[in-house]
Protein backbone atom coordinates (compact mmCIF):
# COMPACT_ATOMS: atom_id res chain seq x y z
CA MET A 1 91.48 61.40 81.67
CA ILE A 2 89.36 64.34 80.60
CA SER A 3 88.44 67.22 82.91
CA VAL A 4 84.97 68.62 82.23
CA ILE A 5 84.39 72.13 83.59
CA VAL A 6 80.79 73.12 84.36
CA PRO A 7 80.15 76.71 85.56
CA VAL A 8 76.83 77.00 87.38
CA TYR A 9 74.74 79.99 88.36
CA ASN A 10 71.04 79.71 89.25
CA ALA A 11 70.52 76.74 86.96
CA GLU A 12 68.28 74.60 89.16
CA LYS A 13 65.88 73.97 86.26
CA TYR A 14 68.58 72.57 83.99
CA ILE A 15 71.59 71.31 85.96
CA ASN A 16 70.28 67.76 86.52
CA ARG A 17 69.94 67.23 82.76
CA CYS A 18 73.43 68.62 82.21
CA ILE A 19 75.20 66.50 84.84
CA ASP A 20 73.24 63.37 83.91
CA SER A 21 74.46 63.68 80.31
CA ILE A 22 78.08 63.93 81.48
CA VAL A 23 78.13 61.10 84.02
CA HIS A 24 76.60 58.73 81.46
CA GLN A 25 79.37 59.17 78.91
CA THR A 26 80.66 56.00 77.26
CA MET A 27 84.11 56.72 78.69
CA ASP A 28 84.54 56.53 82.45
CA ASP A 29 87.97 58.11 82.86
CA MET A 30 86.97 61.69 83.67
CA GLU A 31 86.64 64.26 86.40
CA ILE A 32 83.69 66.64 86.45
CA ILE A 33 84.60 70.00 87.97
CA ILE A 34 81.49 71.97 88.90
CA ILE A 35 81.96 75.60 89.92
CA ASP A 36 78.94 77.11 91.64
CA ASP A 37 79.25 80.85 91.10
CA GLY A 38 77.28 82.02 94.12
CA SER A 39 73.90 80.62 93.09
CA THR A 40 70.93 81.90 95.10
CA ASP A 41 68.60 79.03 94.14
CA SER A 42 69.00 75.31 94.86
CA SER A 43 71.73 74.74 92.24
CA LEU A 44 74.49 74.16 94.80
CA ASP A 45 72.41 71.62 96.73
CA ILE A 46 71.70 69.73 93.50
CA CYS A 47 75.40 69.72 92.60
CA LYS A 48 76.36 68.47 96.06
CA TYR A 49 73.82 65.66 95.70
CA TRP A 50 75.55 64.57 92.50
CA GLU A 51 78.97 64.91 94.15
CA ALA A 52 77.92 62.48 96.88
CA LYS A 53 76.56 60.11 94.26
CA ASP A 54 79.51 60.05 91.82
CA ARG A 55 83.17 59.97 92.91
CA ARG A 56 84.25 61.73 89.69
CA ILE A 57 82.41 64.94 90.57
CA LYS A 58 84.07 67.76 92.50
CA VAL A 59 82.02 70.80 93.50
CA PHE A 60 83.67 74.16 94.20
CA PRO A 61 81.38 76.86 95.63
CA LYS A 62 82.57 80.46 95.22
CA LYS A 63 81.40 84.03 95.56
CA ASN A 64 79.61 85.30 92.47
CA GLY A 65 82.10 86.69 90.00
CA GLY A 66 80.75 85.82 86.57
CA VAL A 67 81.07 82.86 84.23
CA SER A 68 84.68 83.64 83.29
CA SER A 69 85.84 83.63 86.89
CA ALA A 70 84.03 80.31 87.39
CA ARG A 71 85.67 78.78 84.31
CA ASN A 72 89.06 80.07 85.43
CA MET A 73 88.63 78.41 88.83
CA GLY A 74 87.87 75.23 86.94
CA LEU A 75 91.00 75.60 84.83
CA ARG A 76 93.11 76.01 87.97
CA ASN A 77 91.81 72.70 89.32
CA VAL A 78 91.99 70.38 86.31
CA ASN A 79 94.01 67.17 86.49
CA GLY A 80 93.09 65.54 83.19
CA LYS A 81 95.11 65.23 80.01
CA TYR A 82 92.20 66.81 78.15
CA VAL A 83 89.83 69.65 79.03
CA SER A 84 86.36 70.58 77.83
CA PHE A 85 83.56 72.91 78.92
CA VAL A 86 79.83 72.26 79.30
CA ASP A 87 77.42 75.00 80.39
CA ALA A 88 74.89 74.20 83.11
CA ASP A 89 71.83 74.57 80.89
CA ASP A 90 73.24 72.49 78.02
CA TRP A 91 73.72 68.75 77.54
CA ILE A 92 75.81 66.36 75.47
CA GLU A 93 75.40 63.05 73.66
CA SER A 94 76.74 59.98 75.46
CA ASP A 95 79.68 59.31 73.12
CA ARG A 96 80.89 62.91 72.78
CA PHE A 97 84.15 62.67 74.68
CA GLU A 98 85.07 59.13 73.61
CA LYS A 99 84.83 60.08 69.93
CA ALA A 100 86.62 63.40 70.41
CA ILE A 101 89.60 61.87 72.21
CA GLU A 102 89.85 59.07 69.65
CA LYS A 103 90.20 61.70 66.91
CA ILE A 104 92.67 63.78 68.91
CA GLU A 105 94.89 60.73 69.37
CA GLU A 106 94.48 59.55 65.78
CA TYR A 107 95.53 62.93 64.33
CA ASN A 108 97.91 63.91 67.14
CA ALA A 109 95.92 67.11 67.51
CA ASP A 110 96.00 69.75 70.23
CA ILE A 111 92.41 70.92 69.76
CA TYR A 112 89.29 69.12 68.60
CA ILE A 113 86.48 71.23 67.11
CA GLY A 114 83.05 69.72 66.62
CA SER A 115 79.86 71.70 66.35
CA PHE A 116 76.62 72.05 68.28
CA VAL A 117 72.90 71.83 67.92
CA ILE A 118 70.91 74.87 69.09
CA ASN A 119 67.79 73.84 70.98
CA VAL A 120 65.04 76.49 71.03
CA GLY A 121 61.97 75.17 72.78
CA ASN A 122 61.03 71.95 70.99
CA GLU A 123 62.97 72.88 67.86
CA GLN A 124 66.62 72.51 67.05
CA LYS A 125 68.86 74.00 64.39
CA THR A 126 72.49 74.04 63.37
CA ILE A 127 74.74 76.92 62.37
CA TYR A 128 76.64 75.03 59.70
CA GLU A 129 74.69 72.77 57.36
CA ASP A 130 77.42 71.69 54.95
CA ILE A 131 80.27 70.50 57.14
CA PRO A 132 82.34 67.93 55.20
CA SER A 133 82.27 64.38 56.59
CA VAL A 134 86.06 64.13 56.37
CA VAL A 135 88.26 65.50 59.16
CA SER A 136 89.82 68.89 58.36
CA VAL A 137 93.31 69.56 59.72
CA TYR A 138 94.66 73.10 60.33
CA GLY A 139 97.81 74.77 61.51
CA LYS A 140 97.34 77.49 64.10
CA ASN A 141 97.19 80.48 61.74
CA ASP A 142 94.77 78.79 59.35
CA ALA A 143 92.55 77.82 62.28
CA ILE A 144 92.55 81.40 63.59
CA LYS A 145 91.60 82.66 60.11
CA HIS A 146 88.64 80.28 59.95
CA MET A 147 87.57 81.23 63.47
CA ILE A 148 87.68 84.97 62.75
CA LYS A 149 85.71 84.56 59.53
CA GLY A 150 83.29 82.04 61.02
CA ASP A 151 84.25 79.72 58.19
CA GLY A 152 83.19 76.24 59.32
CA PHE A 153 83.50 76.99 63.02
CA ARG A 154 83.47 79.89 65.47
CA TRP A 155 84.93 80.80 68.84
CA GLU A 156 82.51 79.18 71.28
CA LEU A 157 84.06 76.97 73.97
CA CYS A 158 81.33 74.34 73.95
CA ASP A 159 82.23 72.54 70.71
CA LYS A 160 85.91 72.08 71.55
CA VAL A 161 88.11 69.61 73.44
CA TYR A 162 91.64 70.75 74.31
CA ARG A 163 94.84 69.06 75.34
CA LYS A 164 95.61 70.47 78.77
CA ASP A 165 99.16 71.42 77.74
CA VAL A 166 97.96 73.87 75.08
CA LEU A 167 95.88 75.78 77.65
CA GLU A 168 98.87 76.73 79.79
CA GLY A 169 98.98 80.49 80.31
CA CYS A 170 95.55 81.09 78.73
CA TYR A 171 92.65 82.15 80.93
CA LEU A 172 89.37 83.91 80.30
CA ASP A 173 89.53 87.68 80.73
CA GLU A 174 87.13 88.39 83.59
CA ASN A 175 86.62 91.97 82.41
CA ILE A 176 85.28 90.79 79.04
CA HIS A 177 81.65 89.69 79.22
CA ASN A 178 80.93 89.22 75.51
CA GLY A 179 83.71 87.79 73.39
CA GLU A 180 85.69 86.30 76.27
CA ASP A 181 85.56 82.93 74.48
CA PHE A 182 86.87 84.58 71.29
CA LEU A 183 89.85 86.06 73.14
CA PHE A 184 90.51 82.79 75.00
CA ASN A 185 90.51 80.70 71.82
CA TRP A 186 92.66 83.27 70.01
CA CYS A 187 95.23 82.70 72.79
CA VAL A 188 94.89 78.91 72.79
CA PHE A 189 94.90 78.49 69.00
CA GLY A 190 98.12 80.50 68.91
CA LYS A 191 99.82 77.82 71.02
CA ALA A 192 98.53 74.83 69.06
CA LYS A 193 100.42 72.96 66.37
CA ARG A 194 97.53 70.95 64.94
CA ILE A 195 93.78 71.58 65.16
CA ILE A 196 91.11 69.29 63.72
CA ARG A 197 87.54 70.03 62.65
CA VAL A 198 85.05 67.15 62.76
CA ASN A 199 81.43 66.89 61.69
CA ASP A 200 80.11 66.27 65.21
CA MET A 201 76.76 67.57 66.48
CA SER A 202 76.94 65.94 69.93
CA TYR A 203 76.66 69.15 71.98
CA HIS A 204 73.21 70.63 72.63
CA TYR A 205 73.16 74.37 73.24
CA PHE A 206 69.98 75.39 75.03
CA ALA A 207 68.92 78.90 73.96
CA ARG A 208 67.36 80.45 77.06
CA GLU A 209 65.53 83.73 76.67
CA ASP A 210 66.79 84.87 80.09
CA SER A 211 70.40 84.06 79.28
CA ALA A 212 72.95 86.82 79.98
CA SER A 213 74.12 86.56 76.37
CA HIS A 214 70.73 87.86 75.21
CA VAL A 215 70.76 91.03 77.32
CA LEU A 216 71.67 94.32 75.66
CA SER A 217 73.91 96.16 78.15
CA GLU A 218 77.32 97.76 78.40
CA LYS A 219 78.74 94.28 79.07
CA TYR A 220 77.61 93.37 75.55
CA LEU A 221 79.96 96.04 74.20
CA THR A 222 83.04 94.35 75.64
CA PHE A 223 83.30 92.25 72.48
CA VAL A 224 84.89 95.37 71.01
CA ASP A 225 87.46 95.34 73.84
CA ALA A 226 88.22 91.67 73.16
CA ILE A 227 89.05 92.36 69.51
CA GLU A 228 91.12 95.40 70.46
CA LEU A 229 93.17 93.28 72.86
CA ALA A 230 93.80 90.69 70.13
CA LEU A 231 94.74 93.41 67.63
CA GLY A 232 97.17 94.90 70.13
CA GLU A 233 99.09 91.63 70.43
CA GLU A 234 98.74 89.92 67.05
CA GLN A 235 101.96 90.02 64.99
CA ASN A 236 100.78 88.26 61.84
CA ARG A 237 99.79 90.87 59.24
CA GLU A 238 97.13 88.74 57.54
CA LEU A 239 95.50 87.91 60.87
CA CYS A 240 95.59 91.60 61.83
CA LEU A 241 93.71 92.48 58.66
CA LEU A 242 91.09 89.81 59.37
CA LEU A 243 90.76 90.98 62.96
CA ASN A 244 90.32 94.53 61.72
CA ASN A 245 87.59 93.44 59.31
CA LEU A 246 85.81 91.69 62.17
CA TYR A 247 86.30 94.80 64.30
CA ILE A 248 84.53 97.12 61.87
CA VAL A 249 81.70 94.63 61.24
CA VAL A 250 81.14 94.29 65.00
CA LEU A 251 81.28 98.06 65.54
CA ILE A 252 78.77 98.78 62.80
CA GLY A 253 76.56 95.89 63.86
CA MET A 254 76.48 97.17 67.42
CA PHE A 255 75.83 100.72 66.22
CA ILE A 256 72.84 99.54 64.20
CA GLU A 257 71.39 97.41 66.97
CA ILE A 258 71.81 100.06 69.67
CA ALA A 259 70.48 102.86 67.44
CA ALA A 260 67.33 100.81 66.88
CA SER A 261 66.93 100.01 70.59
CA LYS A 262 65.35 101.94 73.45
CA TRP A 263 68.51 101.78 75.53
CA GLY A 264 68.43 104.80 77.84
CA ASN A 265 72.01 106.07 77.39
CA ARG A 266 72.35 104.96 73.79
CA GLY A 267 73.32 108.46 72.60
CA GLU A 268 76.57 108.40 74.55
CA ILE A 269 77.28 104.82 73.50
CA LEU A 270 76.65 105.63 69.83
CA VAL A 271 79.09 108.55 69.96
CA GLY A 272 81.75 106.21 71.35
CA LEU A 273 81.12 103.62 68.64
CA LYS A 274 81.14 106.34 65.97
CA ASN A 275 84.55 107.55 67.15
CA LYS A 276 85.94 104.02 67.09
CA ILE A 277 84.64 103.45 63.58
CA GLN A 278 86.12 106.71 62.31
CA SER A 279 89.51 106.08 63.93
CA SER A 280 89.83 102.45 62.88
CA MET A 281 92.09 101.43 60.01
CA LEU A 282 89.46 101.03 57.33
CA TYR A 283 90.86 102.71 54.28
CA GLY A 284 93.79 100.50 53.33
CA LYS A 285 94.00 98.72 50.00
CA GLU A 286 93.29 95.41 51.70
CA ILE A 287 89.77 96.48 52.70
CA SER A 288 87.14 95.29 50.24
CA PHE A 289 85.03 97.68 48.19
CA LYS A 290 81.92 96.42 49.97
CA LYS A 291 83.30 97.38 53.38
CA LYS A 292 84.49 100.75 52.09
CA LEU A 293 80.99 101.34 50.74
CA ILE A 294 79.51 100.54 54.16
CA VAL A 295 81.85 103.05 55.77
CA HIS A 296 81.01 105.61 53.09
CA PHE A 297 77.30 105.35 53.88
CA TYR A 298 78.09 105.55 57.58
CA LYS A 299 80.04 108.79 57.13
CA ILE A 300 77.20 110.32 55.11
CA SER A 301 74.43 109.32 57.52
CA PRO A 302 74.48 106.67 60.24
CA ILE A 303 70.68 106.63 60.14
CA SER A 304 70.63 105.83 56.42
CA LEU A 305 73.01 102.98 57.15
CA LEU A 306 70.63 101.78 59.83
CA ILE A 307 67.84 101.54 57.26
CA ILE A 308 69.97 100.02 54.50
CA LEU A 309 71.72 97.44 56.66
CA ASN A 310 68.96 96.30 58.97
CA PRO A 311 69.22 92.72 57.61
CA LEU A 312 72.97 92.88 58.33
CA ALA A 313 72.23 93.90 61.89
CA ILE A 314 70.06 90.84 62.36
CA ALA A 315 72.77 88.59 60.92
CA ILE A 316 75.46 90.10 63.15
CA LYS A 317 73.25 89.79 66.20
CA ARG A 318 72.81 86.10 65.47
CA ARG A 319 76.55 85.68 65.02
CA LEU A 320 77.55 87.44 68.24
CA ARG A 321 74.76 86.06 70.37
CA VAL A 322 73.41 82.63 69.53
């Protein structure tokens, strides 16, 4: 059985489409755990309607605490051998879970990684165009390397199916509002023995303009905290270096985006980011010349870096926030 966790908050416009795509999967052996995170619209009523209609659905209302707290409640109530996440405004193809579990069993894998289609209005796009048709198999460290570098896959929850056993002890940090999925998967990947990557575009990510992931706020900055937490615990030297590279790219990307924004207290935020950049471990031999050059420009003039690297800022923004 697979447990599908669906966190819901004020998703009355989209939740029917989401649930309908899950209940009509080609495999029947599942439980659908819906966590209503204190919705103030009709989302909870819609979810309860579905619960009465389908015995596999369980609805858990809770006080609003954020998407991570909702997902964690879901994790504490799963009974399936496998676990996956679907967001309330997204939807999936009908054979998603059947195909994923077949591959997990065939390769004796702990984690299945597919991909997702990004739906923007009437258009759709993919992040990775050249995914090989063959199944790629990774050990935990290699998978973490690929995740950090965004090489073939990233850290989103939506494109993954997990064996329940590998999730034990890993929860989403409820104080991290951007990058919580990165930190969660860093924890889970570290427990896995075998991870597979499959060319599978069966998840549809709906890019809403009003989504919390598109809002520039102090919560957005917590991605930095997520990387710092991983750096503080990671013991593998190569992974530490990759995490550090990601750290400086994220810091500079955030500096550029915030400097170009009209955020009211951006001066204070920029000083904090500047201090983190200057105190980070960026001058070792392992750091590439390109990154050293970026830091050199930053030290001379952050504003000149803003002008020079504006295309980089756009790329980083797309990477951190779909």
